[in-house]
Amino acid sequence: MKRSILFIPGNNPSMIQDSYIFEADGIIYDLEDAVAYSEKDSARIIVKSFIESGLIEDKEVIVRINDIDSEFYLDDINVIVSNYVDTIMLPMATEWSVRKLATKLDEIEEKKKIAKRIKIIPIIESGKSVLEVEKIVRHQRVSGVLLGAEDLSFDLGIIRTKEGAEIEYVRSKIVIAAKAYKKDAIDTPFTDVTDDEGLIKDTKRAKLLGMNAKACIHPRQARTINKVFSPSSFDIDFAKKVLKGYEEAQKVGLGVFSLEGKMIDKPIVERAQSVIMRAKYFKLENE
């Protein structure tokens, strides 16, 4: 369960050393776009050394590897995969590349005797991956999908804007596919790290469309994203009332009941249960 995941360049030792104190729910140690070709080997070693130090205890450890067709892919996967890695983020994902990565993870997990099943977060950042997203999310290893709007915009030949009208359809398609298989729908980063109001607006729009998490590219963005994707005090209080009312209704054999002038039925009860679960998981006040 997550609200925010933060990209950190794999060749930035100072940020990597501080990553365990950042407020993001997950950290993405990036071996791909953020790292120059000449620094791929050293970035891989830096990331491996840090994540195997065991300093990160309460965050999802994610590593974005290089494209599966690149010359760096095999070294990335062979070196990085260990019991200390929770998730591999796969750029330029397609159904084929997800299956190929999953097969490789099967081999490495057996060879290294890894005690857990490492998850995959494919990045939807091409026209082909958008068309295949429904097949991608079905894979057992896939825990969620990330919209990569910058590369997608380039692939489609469209202009990327802060307003985001050009990605609305893709956001919705990703949400429907992900939620159909109970996977995370993770929104694209907001790239202007100086525009706090823009970040809030963009995150709220993503949430309205059904996204449940968002990637970020600067540590200071994580707090804002977490706040938007967390239940508010009002949400938590109302959920408690719903669950209390449901318990009382069950005692007298009622399937639906009224609360504050609203009819409460099964979907609203399930939503209330989800709110309380998220509040407890994220240790929110008034839980």
C-alpha atoms as a PDB file:
ATOM      1  CA  MET A   1       0.000   0.000   0.000  1.00  0.00           C
ATOM      2  CA  LYS A   2       1.468   3.338  -1.008  1.00  0.00           C
ATOM      3  CA  ARG A   3       0.641   6.941  -1.803  1.00  0.00           C
ATOM      4  CA  SER A   4       3.972   8.306  -3.023  1.00  0.00           C
ATOM      5  CA  ILE A   5       7.092   6.853  -4.630  1.00  0.00           C
ATOM      6  CA  LEU A   6      10.211   8.969  -5.069  1.00  0.00           C
ATOM      7  CA  PHE A   7      12.748   8.726  -7.884  1.00  0.00           C
ATOM      8  CA  ILE A   8      16.369   9.012  -6.740  1.00  0.00           C
ATOM      9  CA  PRO A   9      19.245   8.949  -9.268  1.00  0.00           C
ATOM     10  CA  GLY A  10      21.388   5.874  -8.819  1.00  0.00           C
ATOM     11  CA  ASN A  11      24.526   7.957  -9.270  1.00  0.00           C
ATOM     12  CA  ASN A  12      23.734  10.432  -6.475  1.00  0.00           C
ATOM     13  CA  PRO A  13      25.305   8.961  -3.296  1.00  0.00           C
ATOM     14  CA  SER A  14      24.246  11.837  -1.021  1.00  0.00           C
ATOM     15  CA  MET A  15      20.549  11.491  -1.917  1.00  0.00           C
ATOM     16  CA  ILE A  16      20.755   7.729  -1.709  1.00  0.00           C
ATOM     17  CA  GLN A  17      22.279   7.902   1.775  1.00  0.00           C
ATOM     18  CA  ASP A  18      19.406  10.115   2.929  1.00  0.00           C
ATOM     19  CA  SER A  19      16.650   8.173   1.170  1.00  0.00           C
ATOM     20  CA  TYR A  20      15.508   6.275   4.248  1.00  0.00           C
ATOM     21  CA  ILE A  21      14.474   9.536   5.963  1.00  0.00           C
ATOM     22  CA  PHE A  22      12.387  10.919   3.087  1.00  0.00           C
ATOM     23  CA  GLU A  23       8.594  10.927   3.506  1.00  0.00           C
ATOM     24  CA  ALA A  24       7.770   8.905   0.401  1.00  0.00           C
ATOM     25  CA  ASP A  25       6.203   5.482   0.961  1.00  0.00           C
ATOM     26  CA  GLY A  26       8.538   3.944  -1.594  1.00  0.00           C
ATOM     27  CA  ILE A  27      11.934   4.833  -3.034  1.00  0.00           C
ATOM     28  CA  ILE A  28      12.817   4.226  -6.680  1.00  0.00           C
ATOM     29  CA  TYR A  29      16.569   3.885  -7.114  1.00  0.00           C
ATOM     30  CA  ASP A  30      16.919   4.851 -10.747  1.00  0.00           C
ATOM     31  CA  LEU A  31      19.480   3.111 -12.955  1.00  0.00           C
ATOM     32  CA  GLU A  32      17.869   4.277 -16.192  1.00  0.00           C
ATOM     33  CA  ASP A  33      17.151   7.852 -17.340  1.00  0.00           C
ATOM     34  CA  ALA A  34      18.904   9.607 -14.454  1.00  0.00           C
ATOM     35  CA  VAL A  35      22.230   7.864 -15.076  1.00  0.00           C
ATOM     36  CA  ALA A  36      24.625   8.593 -17.950  1.00  0.00           C
ATOM     37  CA  TYR A  37      25.948   5.646 -19.947  1.00  0.00           C
ATOM     38  CA  SER A  38      29.429   6.144 -18.515  1.00  0.00           C
ATOM     39  CA  GLU A  39      28.101   5.852 -14.948  1.00  0.00           C
ATOM     40  CA  LYS A  40      25.828   2.814 -15.260  1.00  0.00           C
ATOM     41  CA  ASP A  41      28.273   0.400 -13.627  1.00  0.00           C
ATOM     42  CA  SER A  42      29.112   2.649 -10.687  1.00  0.00           C
ATOM     43  CA  ALA A  43      25.435   3.541 -10.109  1.00  0.00           C
ATOM     44  CA  ARG A  44      24.556  -0.142  -9.968  1.00  0.00           C
ATOM     45  CA  ILE A  45      27.229  -0.746  -7.309  1.00  0.00           C
ATOM     46  CA  ILE A  46      26.210   2.319  -5.271  1.00  0.00           C
ATOM     47  CA  VAL A  47      22.552   1.287  -5.218  1.00  0.00           C
ATOM     48  CA  LYS A  48      23.334  -2.346  -4.417  1.00  0.00           C
ATOM     49  CA  SER A  49      25.629  -1.399  -1.516  1.00  0.00           C
ATOM     50  CA  PHE A  50      23.095   0.952   0.023  1.00  0.00           C
ATOM     51  CA  ILE A  51      19.978  -1.181  -0.211  1.00  0.00           C
ATOM     52  CA  GLU A  52      21.882  -4.161   1.199  1.00  0.00           C
ATOM     53  CA  SER A  53      22.945  -2.074   4.206  1.00  0.00           C
ATOM     54  CA  GLY A  54      19.498  -2.733   5.670  1.00  0.00           C
ATOM     55  CA  LEU A  55      18.845   0.905   6.599  1.00  0.00           C
ATOM     56  CA  ILE A  56      15.451   0.966   4.892  1.00  0.00           C
ATOM     57  CA  GLU A  57      12.886  -0.820   7.016  1.00  0.00           C
ATOM     58  CA  ASP A  58       9.529   0.851   6.429  1.00  0.00           C
ATOM     59  CA  LYS A  59       9.581   1.773   2.738  1.00  0.00           C
ATOM     60  CA  GLU A  60       9.125  -0.178  -0.447  1.00  0.00           C
ATOM     61  CA  VAL A  61      12.524  -0.619  -2.113  1.00  0.00           C
ATOM     62  CA  ILE A  62      12.085  -0.241  -5.869  1.00  0.00           C
ATOM     63  CA  VAL A  63      14.818  -0.286  -8.520  1.00  0.00           C
ATOM     64  CA  ARG A  64      14.177   1.056 -11.995  1.00  0.00           C
ATOM     65  CA  ILE A  65      16.326  -1.001 -14.326  1.00  0.00           C
ATOM     66  CA  ASN A  66      17.233  -0.172 -17.901  1.00  0.00           C
ATOM     67  CA  ASP A  67      15.047  -1.105 -20.847  1.00  0.00           C
ATOM     68  CA  ILE A  68      14.927  -4.848 -21.402  1.00  0.00           C
ATOM     69  CA  ASP A  69      16.385  -4.376 -24.911  1.00  0.00           C
ATOM     70  CA  SER A  70      19.332  -2.316 -23.656  1.00  0.00           C
ATOM     71  CA  GLU A  71      22.883  -3.521 -23.140  1.00  0.00           C
ATOM     72  CA  PHE A  72      22.555  -2.775 -19.404  1.00  0.00           C
ATOM     73  CA  TYR A  73      19.472  -4.866 -18.614  1.00  0.00           C
ATOM     74  CA  LEU A  74      21.122  -8.180 -17.746  1.00  0.00           C
ATOM     75  CA  ASP A  75      23.787  -6.601 -15.544  1.00  0.00           C
ATOM     76  CA  ASP A  76      21.109  -4.577 -13.747  1.00  0.00           C
ATOM     77  CA  ILE A  77      18.930  -7.550 -12.981  1.00  0.00           C
ATOM     78  CA  ASN A  78      21.743  -9.966 -12.096  1.00  0.00           C
ATOM     79  CA  VAL A  79      23.458  -7.537  -9.737  1.00  0.00           C
ATOM     80  CA  ILE A  80      20.508  -5.786  -8.114  1.00  0.00           C
ATOM     81  CA  VAL A  81      18.024  -8.567  -7.381  1.00  0.00           C
ATOM     82  CA  SER A  82      18.291  -9.723  -3.773  1.00  0.00           C
ATOM     83  CA  ASN A  83      16.218 -10.185  -0.625  1.00  0.00           C
ATOM     84  CA  TYR A  84      16.602  -6.442  -0.030  1.00  0.00           C
ATOM     85  CA  VAL A  85      14.673  -5.472  -3.192  1.00  0.00           C
ATOM     86  CA  ASP A  86      10.872  -5.449  -3.106  1.00  0.00           C
ATOM     87  CA  THR A  87      10.073  -4.371  -6.645  1.00  0.00           C
ATOM     88  CA  ILE A  88      11.659  -3.963 -10.067  1.00  0.00           C
ATOM     89  CA  MET A  89      10.366  -1.036 -12.137  1.00  0.00           C
ATOM     90  CA  LEU A  90      10.374  -1.852 -15.838  1.00  0.00           C
ATOM     91  CA  PRO A  91      10.586   1.017 -18.367  1.00  0.00           C
ATOM     92  CA  MET A  92       8.971   0.918 -21.799  1.00  0.00           C
ATOM     93  CA  ALA A  93       6.905  -2.047 -20.663  1.00  0.00           C
ATOM     94  CA  THR A  94       4.987  -4.335 -22.973  1.00  0.00           C
ATOM     95  CA  GLU A  95       3.241  -7.605 -22.266  1.00  0.00           C
ATOM     96  CA  TRP A  96       6.229  -9.430 -23.759  1.00  0.00           C
ATOM     97  CA  SER A  97       8.840  -7.578 -21.705  1.00  0.00           C
ATOM     98  CA  VAL A  98       6.914  -8.131 -18.465  1.00  0.00           C
ATOM     99  CA  ARG A  99       6.755 -11.860 -19.154  1.00  0.00           C
ATOM    100  CA  LYS A 100      10.463 -11.940 -20.049  1.00  0.00           C
ATOM    101  CA  LEU A 101      11.428 -10.095 -16.855  1.00  0.00           C
ATOM    102  CA  ALA A 102       9.215 -12.361 -14.768  1.00  0.00           C
ATOM    103  CA  THR A 103      10.911 -15.443 -16.210  1.00  0.00           C
ATOM    104  CA  LYS A 104      14.326 -13.964 -15.447  1.00  0.00           C
ATOM    105  CA  LEU A 105      13.248 -13.208 -11.873  1.00  0.00           C
ATOM    106  CA  ASP A 106      12.134 -16.823 -11.488  1.00  0.00           C
ATOM    107  CA  GLU A 107      15.640 -17.934 -12.448  1.00  0.00           C
ATOM    108  CA  ILE A 108      17.470 -15.473 -10.209  1.00  0.00           C
ATOM    109  CA  GLU A 109      15.250 -16.080  -7.188  1.00  0.00           C
ATOM    110  CA  GLU A 110      15.911 -19.799  -7.440  1.00  0.00           C
ATOM    111  CA  LYS A 111      19.639 -19.376  -8.037  1.00  0.00           C
ATOM    112  CA  LYS A 112      20.129 -16.889  -5.188  1.00  0.00           C
ATOM    113  CA  LYS A 113      17.602 -18.620  -2.921  1.00  0.00           C
ATOM    114  CA  ILE A 114      15.650 -15.404  -2.477  1.00  0.00           C
ATOM    115  CA  ALA A 115      12.987 -15.854   0.172  1.00  0.00           C
ATOM    116  CA  LYS A 116      10.296 -13.679  -1.385  1.00  0.00           C
ATOM    117  CA  ARG A 117       8.617 -13.085  -4.718  1.00  0.00           C
ATOM    118  CA  ILE A 118       9.846  -9.795  -6.164  1.00  0.00           C
ATOM    119  CA  LYS A 119       7.146  -7.636  -7.702  1.00  0.00           C
ATOM    120  CA  ILE A 120       7.144  -5.681 -10.963  1.00  0.00           C
ATOM    121  CA  ILE A 121       5.879  -2.163 -11.657  1.00  0.00           C
ATOM    122  CA  PRO A 122       5.739  -1.721 -15.445  1.00  0.00           C
ATOM    123  CA  ILE A 123       5.874   1.848 -16.773  1.00  0.00           C
ATOM    124  CA  ILE A 124       3.181   2.650 -19.313  1.00  0.00           C
ATOM    125  CA  GLU A 125       5.013   5.111 -21.544  1.00  0.00           C
ATOM    126  CA  SER A 126       4.346   4.166 -25.154  1.00  0.00           C
ATOM    127  CA  GLY A 127       1.328   3.804 -27.355  1.00  0.00           C
ATOM    128  CA  LYS A 128       1.862   0.047 -27.445  1.00  0.00           C
ATOM    129  CA  SER A 129       1.976  -0.238 -23.654  1.00  0.00           C
ATOM    130  CA  VAL A 130      -1.289   1.722 -23.389  1.00  0.00           C
ATOM    131  CA  LEU A 131      -2.932  -0.737 -25.785  1.00  0.00           C
ATOM    132  CA  GLU A 132      -1.547  -3.680 -23.794  1.00  0.00           C
ATOM    133  CA  VAL A 133      -2.123  -2.370 -20.262  1.00  0.00           C
ATOM    134  CA  GLU A 134      -5.043  -4.730 -19.615  1.00  0.00           C
ATOM    135  CA  LYS A 135      -2.798  -7.723 -20.379  1.00  0.00           C
ATOM    136  CA  ILE A 136       0.134  -6.262 -18.446  1.00  0.00           C
ATOM    137  CA  VAL A 137      -1.748  -5.858 -15.162  1.00  0.00           C
ATOM    138  CA  ARG A 138      -2.932  -9.473 -15.240  1.00  0.00           C
ATOM    139  CA  HIS A 139       0.534 -10.841 -14.559  1.00  0.00           C
ATOM    140  CA  GLN A 140       0.895 -12.214 -11.038  1.00  0.00           C
ATOM    141  CA  ARG A 141       4.140 -10.375 -10.339  1.00  0.00           C
ATOM    142  CA  VAL A 142       2.717  -6.986 -11.339  1.00  0.00           C
ATOM    143  CA  SER A 143       1.725  -5.029  -8.223  1.00  0.00           C
ATOM    144  CA  GLY A 144       0.804  -1.839 -10.054  1.00  0.00           C
ATOM    145  CA  VAL A 145       1.494   0.229 -13.141  1.00  0.00           C
ATOM    146  CA  LEU A 146       3.044   3.677 -13.448  1.00  0.00           C
ATOM    147  CA  LEU A 147       2.041   6.200 -16.082  1.00  0.00           C
ATOM    148  CA  GLY A 148       5.122   7.723 -17.711  1.00  0.00           C
ATOM    149  CA  ALA A 149       3.526  10.750 -19.337  1.00  0.00           C
ATOM    150  CA  GLU A 150       6.688  12.444 -20.604  1.00  0.00           C
ATOM    151  CA  ASP A 151       7.878   9.540 -22.768  1.00  0.00           C
ATOM    152  CA  LEU A 152       4.325   8.724 -23.757  1.00  0.00           C
ATOM    153  CA  SER A 153       3.750  12.277 -24.984  1.00  0.00           C
ATOM    154  CA  PHE A 154       6.906  12.042 -27.088  1.00  0.00           C
ATOM    155  CA  ASP A 155       5.852   8.667 -28.481  1.00  0.00           C
ATOM    156  CA  LEU A 156       2.425  10.025 -29.421  1.00  0.00           C
ATOM    157  CA  GLY A 157       3.791  13.298 -30.789  1.00  0.00           C
ATOM    158  CA  ILE A 158       1.722  15.455 -28.434  1.00  0.00           C
ATOM    159  CA  ILE A 159       2.614  18.411 -26.244  1.00  0.00           C
ATOM    160  CA  ARG A 160       2.803  17.745 -22.493  1.00  0.00           C
ATOM    161  CA  THR A 161       0.986  20.419 -20.466  1.00  0.00           C
ATOM    162  CA  LYS A 162       0.517  21.157 -16.779  1.00  0.00           C
ATOM    163  CA  GLU A 163      -3.237  20.953 -17.210  1.00  0.00           C
ATOM    164  CA  GLY A 164      -2.906  17.336 -18.384  1.00  0.00           C
ATOM    165  CA  ALA A 165      -5.863  17.190 -20.779  1.00  0.00           C
ATOM    166  CA  GLU A 166      -3.696  15.223 -23.205  1.00  0.00           C
ATOM    167  CA  ILE A 167      -3.233  12.335 -20.723  1.00  0.00           C
ATOM    168  CA  GLU A 168      -6.753  12.167 -19.269  1.00  0.00           C
ATOM    169  CA  TYR A 169      -7.793   9.204 -21.402  1.00  0.00           C
ATOM    170  CA  VAL A 170      -4.635   7.259 -20.563  1.00  0.00           C
ATOM    171  CA  ARG A 171      -5.012   7.972 -16.854  1.00  0.00           C
ATOM    172  CA  SER A 172      -8.553   6.618 -16.948  1.00  0.00           C
ATOM    173  CA  LYS A 173      -7.580   3.554 -18.980  1.00  0.00           C
ATOM    174  CA  ILE A 174      -4.775   2.723 -16.531  1.00  0.00           C
ATOM    175  CA  VAL A 175      -7.109   3.152 -13.545  1.00  0.00           C
ATOM    176  CA  ILE A 176      -9.773   0.858 -14.976  1.00  0.00           C
ATOM    177  CA  ALA A 177      -7.271  -1.835 -15.942  1.00  0.00           C
ATOM    178  CA  ALA A 178      -5.376  -1.687 -12.633  1.00  0.00           C
ATOM    179  CA  LYS A 179      -8.422  -1.605 -10.387  1.00  0.00           C
ATOM    180  CA  ALA A 180     -10.051  -4.479 -12.287  1.00  0.00           C
ATOM    181  CA  TYR A 181      -7.175  -6.662 -11.080  1.00  0.00           C
ATOM    182  CA  LYS A 182      -6.757  -4.931  -7.701  1.00  0.00           C
ATOM    183  CA  LYS A 183      -3.386  -3.425  -8.614  1.00  0.00           C
ATOM    184  CA  ASP A 184      -1.991   0.046  -7.890  1.00  0.00           C
ATOM    185  CA  ALA A 185      -2.666   2.818 -10.407  1.00  0.00           C
ATOM    186  CA  ILE A 186       0.319   5.159 -10.002  1.00  0.00           C
ATOM    187  CA  ASP A 187       0.253   8.606 -11.581  1.00  0.00           C
ATOM    188  CA  THR A 188       3.039  10.264 -13.528  1.00  0.00           C
ATOM    189  CA  PRO A 189       5.380  12.724 -11.742  1.00  0.00           C
ATOM    190  CA  PHE A 190       4.626  16.450 -11.759  1.00  0.00           C
ATOM    191  CA  THR A 191       7.880  17.779 -13.164  1.00  0.00           C
ATOM    192  CA  ASP A 192       7.813  21.432 -12.022  1.00  0.00           C
ATOM    193  CA  VAL A 193       9.243  21.090  -8.512  1.00  0.00           C
ATOM    194  CA  THR A 194       8.775  24.830  -7.842  1.00  0.00           C
ATOM    195  CA  ASP A 195       5.012  24.865  -8.479  1.00  0.00           C
ATOM    196  CA  ASP A 196       3.379  23.662  -5.256  1.00  0.00           C
ATOM    197  CA  GLU A 197      -0.132  24.706  -6.293  1.00  0.00           C
ATOM    198  CA  GLY A 198       0.282  22.945  -9.602  1.00  0.00           C
ATOM    199  CA  LEU A 199       1.354  19.773  -7.795  1.00  0.00           C
ATOM    200  CA  ILE A 200      -1.697  19.873  -5.536  1.00  0.00           C
ATOM    201  CA  LYS A 201      -4.048  20.433  -8.474  1.00  0.00           C
ATOM    202  CA  ASP A 202      -2.443  17.699 -10.575  1.00  0.00           C
ATOM    203  CA  THR A 203      -2.488  15.185  -7.708  1.00  0.00           C
ATOM    204  CA  LYS A 204      -6.113  15.911  -6.872  1.00  0.00           C
ATOM    205  CA  ARG A 205      -7.046  15.444 -10.522  1.00  0.00           C
ATOM    206  CA  ALA A 206      -5.287  12.072 -10.592  1.00  0.00           C
ATOM    207  CA  LYS A 207      -7.078  11.015  -7.409  1.00  0.00           C
ATOM    208  CA  LEU A 208     -10.437  12.101  -8.829  1.00  0.00           C
ATOM    209  CA  LEU A 209      -9.846   9.835 -11.824  1.00  0.00           C
ATOM    210  CA  GLY A 210      -9.065   6.893  -9.538  1.00  0.00           C
ATOM    211  CA  MET A 211      -5.273   6.876  -9.163  1.00  0.00           C
ATOM    212  CA  ASN A 212      -4.224   5.782  -5.671  1.00  0.00           C
ATOM    213  CA  ALA A 213      -0.568   6.868  -5.724  1.00  0.00           C
ATOM    214  CA  LYS A 214       1.784   9.225  -7.533  1.00  0.00           C
ATOM    215  CA  ALA A 215       5.467   9.265  -8.372  1.00  0.00           C
ATOM    216  CA  CYS A 216       7.592  12.273  -7.532  1.00  0.00           C
ATOM    217  CA  ILE A 217      11.031  13.566  -8.507  1.00  0.00           C
ATOM    218  CA  HIS A 218      11.856  15.709  -5.456  1.00  0.00           C
ATOM    219  CA  PRO A 219      11.621  14.750  -1.768  1.00  0.00           C
ATOM    220  CA  ARG A 220       9.582  17.841  -0.904  1.00  0.00           C
ATOM    221  CA  GLN A 221       6.770  16.683  -3.194  1.00  0.00           C
ATOM    222  CA  ALA A 222       6.125  13.529  -1.168  1.00  0.00           C
ATOM    223  CA  ARG A 223       4.400  15.267   1.758  1.00  0.00           C
ATOM    224  CA  THR A 224       1.893  16.978  -0.529  1.00  0.00           C
ATOM    225  CA  ILE A 225       1.158  13.770  -2.431  1.00  0.00           C
ATOM    226  CA  ASN A 226       0.748  11.798   0.803  1.00  0.00           C
ATOM    227  CA  LYS A 227      -1.722  14.344   2.114  1.00  0.00           C
ATOM    228  CA  VAL A 228      -3.876  14.247  -1.015  1.00  0.00           C
ATOM    229  CA  PHE A 229      -3.961  10.455  -1.137  1.00  0.00           C
ATOM    230  CA  SER A 230      -4.584  10.030   2.604  1.00  0.00           C
ATOM    231  CA  PRO A 231      -8.058   9.954   4.132  1.00  0.00           C
ATOM    232  CA  SER A 232      -8.854  13.285   5.790  1.00  0.00           C
ATOM    233  CA  SER A 233      -9.959  13.541   9.418  1.00  0.00           C
ATOM    234  CA  PHE A 234     -13.508  14.046   8.111  1.00  0.00           C
ATOM    235  CA  ASP A 235     -13.229  10.902   5.966  1.00  0.00           C
ATOM    236  CA  ILE A 236     -11.996   8.858   8.931  1.00  0.00           C
ATOM    237  CA  ASP A 237     -14.666  10.166  11.312  1.00  0.00           C
ATOM    238  CA  PHE A 238     -17.448   9.494   8.809  1.00  0.00           C
ATOM    239  CA  ALA A 239     -16.088   6.009   8.086  1.00  0.00           C
ATOM    240  CA  LYS A 240     -16.187   5.214  11.801  1.00  0.00           C
ATOM    241  CA  LYS A 241     -19.806   6.337  11.969  1.00  0.00           C
ATOM    242  CA  VAL A 242     -20.675   4.191   8.948  1.00  0.00           C
ATOM    243  CA  LEU A 243     -19.089   1.104  10.467  1.00  0.00           C
ATOM    244  CA  LYS A 244     -20.756   1.687  13.812  1.00  0.00           C
ATOM    245  CA  GLY A 245     -24.116   2.158  12.105  1.00  0.00           C
ATOM    246  CA  TYR A 246     -23.538  -0.962  10.032  1.00  0.00           C
ATOM    247  CA  GLU A 247     -22.807  -2.998  13.137  1.00  0.00           C
ATOM    248  CA  GLU A 248     -26.032  -1.807  14.758  1.00  0.00           C
ATOM    249  CA  ALA A 249     -28.021  -2.435  11.573  1.00  0.00           C
ATOM    250  CA  GLN A 250     -26.698  -5.977  11.366  1.00  0.00           C
ATOM    251  CA  LYS A 251     -27.941  -6.694  14.872  1.00  0.00           C
ATOM    252  CA  VAL A 252     -31.531  -5.962  13.845  1.00  0.00           C
ATOM    253  CA  GLY A 253     -31.267  -7.623  10.444  1.00  0.00           C
ATOM    254  CA  LEU A 254     -31.088  -4.500   8.248  1.00  0.00           C
ATOM    255  CA  GLY A 255     -29.140  -4.562   4.983  1.00  0.00           C
ATOM    256  CA  VAL A 256     -29.254  -0.797   4.522  1.00  0.00           C
ATOM    257  CA  PHE A 257     -29.641   2.043   6.992  1.00  0.00           C
ATOM    258  CA  SER A 258     -29.692   5.838   7.152  1.00  0.00           C
ATOM    259  CA  LEU A 259     -26.868   8.017   8.444  1.00  0.00           C
ATOM    260  CA  GLU A 260     -27.020  11.819   8.488  1.00  0.00           C
ATOM    261  CA  GLY A 261     -29.777  11.756   5.891  1.00  0.00           C
ATOM    262  CA  LYS A 262     -27.906   9.419   3.518  1.00  0.00           C
ATOM    263  CA  MET A 263     -28.729   5.843   2.629  1.00  0.00           C
ATOM    264  CA  ILE A 264     -25.847   3.552   3.555  1.00  0.00           C
ATOM    265  CA  ASP A 265     -25.538   0.287   1.630  1.00  0.00           C
ATOM    266  CA  LYS A 266     -22.818  -2.295   0.971  1.00  0.00           C
ATOM    267  CA  PRO A 267     -20.551  -0.223  -1.354  1.00  0.00           C
ATOM    268  CA  ILE A 268     -20.452   2.653   1.160  1.00  0.00           C
ATOM    269  CA  VAL A 269     -19.669   0.246   3.994  1.00  0.00           C
ATOM    270  CA  GLU A 270     -16.841  -1.300   1.976  1.00  0.00           C
ATOM    271  CA  ARG A 271     -15.486   2.172   1.204  1.00  0.00           C
ATOM    272  CA  ALA A 272     -15.559   2.995   4.917  1.00  0.00           C
ATOM    273  CA  GLN A 273     -13.660  -0.198   5.686  1.00  0.00           C
ATOM    274  CA  SER A 274     -11.049   0.771   3.100  1.00  0.00           C
ATOM    275  CA  VAL A 275     -10.688   4.256   4.620  1.00  0.00           C
ATOM    276  CA  ILE A 276     -10.083   2.839   8.092  1.00  0.00           C
ATOM    277  CA  MET A 277      -7.632   0.286   6.729  1.00  0.00           C
ATOM    278  CA  ARG A 278      -5.607   3.012   4.988  1.00  0.00           C
ATOM    279  CA  ALA A 279      -5.734   5.231   8.076  1.00  0.00           C
ATOM    280  CA  LYS A 280      -4.338   2.437  10.227  1.00  0.00           C
ATOM    281  CA  TYR A 281      -1.709   1.434   7.689  1.00  0.00           C
ATOM    282  CA  PHE A 282      -0.376   4.978   7.335  1.00  0.00           C
ATOM    283  CA  LYS A 283      -0.695   5.675  11.089  1.00  0.00           C
ATOM    284  CA  LEU A 284      -2.860   8.749  10.565  1.00  0.00           C
ATOM    285  CA  GLU A 285      -4.183  10.891  13.403  1.00  0.00           C
ATOM    286  CA  ASN A 286      -7.710  10.249  14.686  1.00  0.00           C
ATOM    287  CA  GLU A 287      -7.621   6.692  13.374  1.00  0.00           C
END
